[in-house]
C-alpha atoms as a PDB file:
ATOM      1  CA  MET A   1     -13.025 -49.251  -1.483  1.00  0.00           C
ATOM      2  CA  CYS A   2     -14.133 -47.517   1.707  1.00  0.00           C
ATOM      3  CA  LEU A   3     -10.527 -46.796   2.690  1.00  0.00           C
ATOM      4  CA  LYS A   4      -9.792 -45.220  -0.711  1.00  0.00           C
ATOM      5  CA  ALA A   5     -12.858 -42.991  -0.518  1.00  0.00           C
ATOM      6  CA  ALA A   6     -11.979 -41.927   3.025  1.00  0.00           C
ATOM      7  CA  MET A   7      -8.411 -41.106   1.948  1.00  0.00           C
ATOM      8  CA  ARG A   8      -9.657 -39.033  -1.007  1.00  0.00           C
ATOM      9  CA  LYS A   9     -12.056 -37.166   1.272  1.00  0.00           C
ATOM     10  CA  SER A  10      -9.334 -36.466   3.863  1.00  0.00           C
ATOM     11  CA  HIS A  11      -6.979 -35.375   1.058  1.00  0.00           C
ATOM     12  CA  LYS A  12      -9.592 -32.882  -0.198  1.00  0.00           C
ATOM     13  CA  ILE A  13     -10.109 -31.550   3.318  1.00  0.00           C
ATOM     14  CA  LEU A  14      -6.348 -31.152   3.762  1.00  0.00           C
ATOM     15  CA  VAL A  15      -5.995 -29.301   0.446  1.00  0.00           C
ATOM     16  CA  ILE A  16      -8.902 -26.969   1.247  1.00  0.00           C
ATOM     17  CA  SER A  17      -7.540 -26.330   4.763  1.00  0.00           C
ATOM     18  CA  LEU A  18      -4.088 -25.515   3.400  1.00  0.00           C
ATOM     19  CA  ALA A  19      -5.562 -23.141   0.824  1.00  0.00           C
ATOM     20  CA  LEU A  20      -7.583 -21.320   3.477  1.00  0.00           C
ATOM     21  CA  PHE A  21      -4.624 -21.183   5.857  1.00  0.00           C
ATOM     22  CA  SER A  22      -2.310 -19.917   3.121  1.00  0.00           C
ATOM     23  CA  ALA A  23      -4.691 -17.136   2.097  1.00  0.00           C
ATOM     24  CA  SER A  24      -5.110 -15.965   5.687  1.00  0.00           C
ATOM     25  CA  ALA A  25      -1.377 -16.253   6.442  1.00  0.00           C
ATOM     26  CA  PHE A  26      -0.609 -13.261   4.229  1.00  0.00           C
ATOM     27  CA  ALA A  27      -1.030  -9.827   5.735  1.00  0.00           C
ATOM     28  CA  GLU A  28      -3.765  -7.725   4.188  1.00  0.00           C
ATOM     29  CA  PHE A  29      -2.441  -4.428   2.849  1.00  0.00           C
ATOM     30  CA  THR A  30      -5.821  -3.323   1.460  1.00  0.00           C
ATOM     31  CA  GLY A  31      -7.012  -0.161   3.136  1.00  0.00           C
ATOM     32  CA  SER A  32      -6.600   3.569   3.663  1.00  0.00           C
ATOM     33  CA  TRP A  33      -3.359   4.329   5.519  1.00  0.00           C
ATOM     34  CA  HIS A  34      -2.704   7.757   7.040  1.00  0.00           C
ATOM     35  CA  ILE A  35      -0.151   9.816   8.956  1.00  0.00           C
ATOM     36  CA  GLU A  36      -0.443  13.456   9.935  1.00  0.00           C
ATOM     37  CA  TYR A  37       2.590  15.461  10.994  1.00  0.00           C
ATOM     38  CA  PRO A  38       3.274  19.131  11.682  1.00  0.00           C
ATOM     39  CA  GLN A  39       5.686  21.079   9.512  1.00  0.00           C
ATOM     40  CA  ASN A  40       7.967  23.080  11.762  1.00  0.00           C
ATOM     41  CA  LYS A  41       9.598  24.945   8.857  1.00  0.00           C
ATOM     42  CA  THR A  42       6.491  26.884   7.893  1.00  0.00           C
ATOM     43  CA  ASN A  43       4.640  29.818   9.340  1.00  0.00           C
ATOM     44  CA  THR A  44       1.444  27.828   9.491  1.00  0.00           C
ATOM     45  CA  THR A  45       0.141  25.446  12.115  1.00  0.00           C
ATOM     46  CA  THR A  46      -1.615  23.375   9.464  1.00  0.00           C
ATOM     47  CA  ALA A  47      -0.572  19.743   9.736  1.00  0.00           C
ATOM     48  CA  ASP A  48       0.697  17.986   6.638  1.00  0.00           C
ATOM     49  CA  GLU A  49      -0.184  14.411   5.794  1.00  0.00           C
ATOM     50  CA  PHE A  50       0.784  11.370   3.790  1.00  0.00           C
ATOM     51  CA  ASN A  51      -1.790   8.799   2.749  1.00  0.00           C
ATOM     52  CA  ILE A  52      -1.602   5.550   0.814  1.00  0.00           C
ATOM     53  CA  PHE A  53      -4.774   3.907  -0.447  1.00  0.00           C
ATOM     54  CA  LEU A  54      -3.970   0.283  -1.246  1.00  0.00           C
ATOM     55  CA  LEU A  55      -5.654  -2.680  -2.889  1.00  0.00           C
ATOM     56  CA  GLN A  56      -4.090  -6.122  -2.631  1.00  0.00           C
ATOM     57  CA  SER A  57      -4.823  -8.736  -5.306  1.00  0.00           C
ATOM     58  CA  GLY A  58      -3.000 -11.890  -4.274  1.00  0.00           C
ATOM     59  CA  GLY A  59       0.694 -11.028  -4.211  1.00  0.00           C
ATOM     60  CA  VAL A  60       0.282  -7.737  -6.086  1.00  0.00           C
ATOM     61  CA  ILE A  61      -0.396  -4.377  -4.432  1.00  0.00           C
ATOM     62  CA  CYS A  62      -1.573  -1.214  -6.150  1.00  0.00           C
ATOM     63  CA  GLY A  63      -3.307   2.021  -5.319  1.00  0.00           C
ATOM     64  CA  PHE A  64      -2.889   5.740  -4.929  1.00  0.00           C
ATOM     65  CA  HIS A  65      -1.170   8.214  -2.656  1.00  0.00           C
ATOM     66  CA  TYR A  66      -1.813  11.729  -1.402  1.00  0.00           C
ATOM     67  CA  GLY A  67       0.826  13.826   0.333  1.00  0.00           C
ATOM     68  CA  THR A  68       1.179  17.434   1.391  1.00  0.00           C
ATOM     69  CA  ALA A  69       4.051  19.648   2.491  1.00  0.00           C
ATOM     70  CA  ARG A  70       4.709  23.204   3.679  1.00  0.00           C
ATOM     71  CA  GLY A  71       1.433  23.548   5.519  1.00  0.00           C
ATOM     72  CA  LYS A  72      -0.505  22.002   2.620  1.00  0.00           C
ATOM     73  CA  ALA A  73       0.889  24.605   0.219  1.00  0.00           C
ATOM     74  CA  LYS A  74       2.368  21.716  -1.789  1.00  0.00           C
ATOM     75  CA  VAL A  75       0.093  18.817  -2.775  1.00  0.00           C
ATOM     76  CA  ASP A  76       1.027  15.526  -4.433  1.00  0.00           C
ATOM     77  CA  TYR A  77      -1.785  13.371  -5.747  1.00  0.00           C
ATOM     78  CA  GLY A  78       0.204  11.561  -8.433  1.00  0.00           C
ATOM     79  CA  TRP A  79      -1.714  11.385 -11.674  1.00  0.00           C
ATOM     80  CA  ALA A  80      -4.634  13.199 -10.080  1.00  0.00           C
ATOM     81  CA  TYR A  81      -7.329  12.655 -12.652  1.00  0.00           C
ATOM     82  CA  THR A  82      -6.607   9.194 -13.999  1.00  0.00           C
ATOM     83  CA  THR A  83      -7.323   5.681 -12.790  1.00  0.00           C
ATOM     84  CA  LYS A  84      -3.695   4.678 -13.369  1.00  0.00           C
ATOM     85  CA  PRO A  85      -2.301   3.626  -9.952  1.00  0.00           C
ATOM     86  CA  THR A  86       0.461   5.771  -8.485  1.00  0.00           C
ATOM     87  CA  VAL A  87       1.581   2.934  -6.194  1.00  0.00           C
ATOM     88  CA  LEU A  88       2.399  -0.510  -7.599  1.00  0.00           C
ATOM     89  CA  GLY A  89       4.345  -3.400  -6.116  1.00  0.00           C
ATOM     90  CA  ALA A  90       4.411  -6.955  -4.844  1.00  0.00           C
ATOM     91  CA  LEU A  91       4.679  -8.933  -1.632  1.00  0.00           C
ATOM     92  CA  ARG A  92       8.208  -9.968  -0.638  1.00  0.00           C
ATOM     93  CA  SER A  93       7.098 -11.983   2.387  1.00  0.00           C
ATOM     94  CA  LEU A  94       4.037 -12.500   4.562  1.00  0.00           C
ATOM     95  CA  SER A  95       4.007  -8.912   5.872  1.00  0.00           C
ATOM     96  CA  VAL A  96       6.470  -6.999   3.664  1.00  0.00           C
ATOM     97  CA  ALA A  97       5.858  -5.503   0.241  1.00  0.00           C
ATOM     98  CA  GLU A  98       8.086  -3.567  -2.119  1.00  0.00           C
ATOM     99  CA  VAL A  99       6.352  -0.765  -4.015  1.00  0.00           C
ATOM    100  CA  THR A 100       7.115   1.982  -6.483  1.00  0.00           C
ATOM    101  CA  LEU A 101       5.369   5.334  -6.037  1.00  0.00           C
ATOM    102  CA  HIS A 102       5.023   7.872  -8.851  1.00  0.00           C
ATOM    103  CA  SER A 103       4.944  11.418  -7.533  1.00  0.00           C
ATOM    104  CA  SER A 104       3.628  14.391  -9.472  1.00  0.00           C
ATOM    105  CA  HIS A 105       6.719  16.327  -8.322  1.00  0.00           C
ATOM    106  CA  THR A 106       9.434  14.197  -9.922  1.00  0.00           C
ATOM    107  CA  SER A 107       9.902  11.929 -12.903  1.00  0.00           C
ATOM    108  CA  THR A 108      12.007   9.540 -10.797  1.00  0.00           C
ATOM    109  CA  PRO A 109       9.856   6.851  -9.119  1.00  0.00           C
ATOM    110  CA  VAL A 110      10.226   6.374  -5.369  1.00  0.00           C
ATOM    111  CA  ASN A 111      10.936   2.802  -4.234  1.00  0.00           C
ATOM    112  CA  ALA A 112       9.820   1.856  -0.735  1.00  0.00           C
ATOM    113  CA  LEU A 113       9.272  -1.074   1.571  1.00  0.00           C
ATOM    114  CA  LEU A 114       5.940  -1.449   3.328  1.00  0.00           C
ATOM    115  CA  THR A 115       5.844  -3.519   6.500  1.00  0.00           C
ATOM    116  CA  LEU A 116       2.490  -4.389   7.987  1.00  0.00           C
ATOM    117  CA  ASN A 117       2.125  -4.925  11.719  1.00  0.00           C
ATOM    118  CA  GLY A 118      -1.510  -5.103  12.794  1.00  0.00           C
ATOM    119  CA  ASN A 119      -3.209  -1.790  12.050  1.00  0.00           C
ATOM    120  CA  LYS A 120       0.131  -0.003  11.438  1.00  0.00           C
ATOM    121  CA  LEU A 121       1.986   0.245   8.159  1.00  0.00           C
ATOM    122  CA  THR A 122       5.647   1.245   8.107  1.00  0.00           C
ATOM    123  CA  TRP A 123       6.790   3.133   5.005  1.00  0.00           C
ATOM    124  CA  LEU A 124      10.540   3.170   4.360  1.00  0.00           C
ATOM    125  CA  VAL A 125      12.142   4.545   1.198  1.00  0.00           C
ATOM    126  CA  ASN A 126      14.709   1.939   0.170  1.00  0.00           C
ATOM    127  CA  THR A 127      16.768   4.075  -2.196  1.00  0.00           C
ATOM    128  CA  PRO A 128      19.482   5.592   0.006  1.00  0.00           C
ATOM    129  CA  ASN A 129      20.500   9.194  -0.588  1.00  0.00           C
ATOM    130  CA  SER A 130      17.663   9.773  -3.017  1.00  0.00           C
ATOM    131  CA  GLU A 131      16.227  13.251  -3.434  1.00  0.00           C
ATOM    132  CA  LEU A 132      12.562  13.028  -2.466  1.00  0.00           C
ATOM    133  CA  PRO A 133       9.766  15.470  -3.137  1.00  0.00           C
ATOM    134  CA  PRO A 134       8.777  17.244   0.103  1.00  0.00           C
ATOM    135  CA  THR A 135       5.396  15.490  -0.044  1.00  0.00           C
ATOM    136  CA  ILE A 136       6.915  11.997   0.305  1.00  0.00           C
ATOM    137  CA  PRO A 137       8.485  11.000   3.652  1.00  0.00           C
ATOM    138  CA  LYS A 138      11.680   8.913   3.878  1.00  0.00           C
ATOM    139  CA  SER A 139      10.017   6.917   6.654  1.00  0.00           C
ATOM    140  CA  ALA A 140       6.675   6.984   8.417  1.00  0.00           C
ATOM    141  CA  THR A 141       4.320   4.810  10.420  1.00  0.00           C
ATOM    142  CA  LEU A 142       0.815   5.052   9.046  1.00  0.00           C
ATOM    143  CA  VAL A 143      -2.382   3.877  10.722  1.00  0.00           C
ATOM    144  CA  LEU A 144      -5.376   2.222   9.134  1.00  0.00           C
ATOM    145  CA  THR A 145      -8.258   4.684   8.807  1.00  0.00           C
ATOM    146  CA  LYS A 146     -11.823   4.482   7.653  1.00  0.00           C
ATOM    147  CA  SER A 147     -12.148   4.784   3.883  1.00  0.00           C
ATOM    148  CA  LYS A 148     -14.239   7.598   2.463  1.00  0.00           C
ATOM    149  CA  GLY A 149     -15.015   5.465  -0.591  1.00  0.00           C
ATOM    150  CA  HIS A 150     -13.432   7.515  -3.374  1.00  0.00           C
ATOM    151  CA  GLU A 151      -9.722   6.926  -2.719  1.00  0.00           C
ATOM    152  CA  LEU A 152      -9.261   3.970  -5.081  1.00  0.00           C
ATOM    153  CA  ARG A 153     -10.857   5.801  -8.047  1.00  0.00           C
ATOM    154  CA  GLU A 154     -12.900   2.749  -9.101  1.00  0.00           C
ATOM    155  CA  LEU A 155      -9.810   0.508  -9.119  1.00  0.00           C
ATOM    156  CA  VAL A 156     -11.018  -3.085  -8.622  1.00  0.00           C
ATOM    157  CA  ASN A 157      -7.859  -5.160  -9.112  1.00  0.00           C
ATOM    158  CA  CYS A 158      -4.130  -4.858  -9.583  1.00  0.00           C
ATOM    159  CA  SER A 159      -3.483  -6.104 -13.082  1.00  0.00           C
ATOM    160  CA  VAL A 160      -0.283  -5.202 -14.899  1.00  0.00           C
ATOM    161  CA  LYS A 161      -2.285  -3.340 -17.553  1.00  0.00           C
ATOM    162  CA  ASP A 162      -3.333  -0.845 -14.839  1.00  0.00           C
ATOM    163  CA  ALA A 163       0.260   0.178 -14.236  1.00  0.00           C
END
């Protein structure tokens, strides 16, 4: 009897350890990601930016974006006054996610790959030859920044009904 009890206990410990290891093995996409870049084609020195505010719920990722172009003369905040996420996708591997972004400047969604490497997030549009709004970059490396608290518009999870 003692051997059986010890085996059950070690089995439980193994299962709990695997669950904890598995959860921590996935990269964490949750956060405010930012890049700022100058626009050389404008008469202004105002830097434009592209931001993605993400929430990860298990293997699902959702959130919002904010992009500017032409010295901030053009702004893209998706569905600006709703809680419907403008970014929605899923993990493809431990540190790669595929997402769809809905811009306020086009009815065609933008598909992109996100690759997480420490505190850097690589954004790469994975639809070749697609016409993008000027507020959405084809590729960019964003850095994790401190959240201001309002970016996720009270979004608490990434359920399909939010999309």
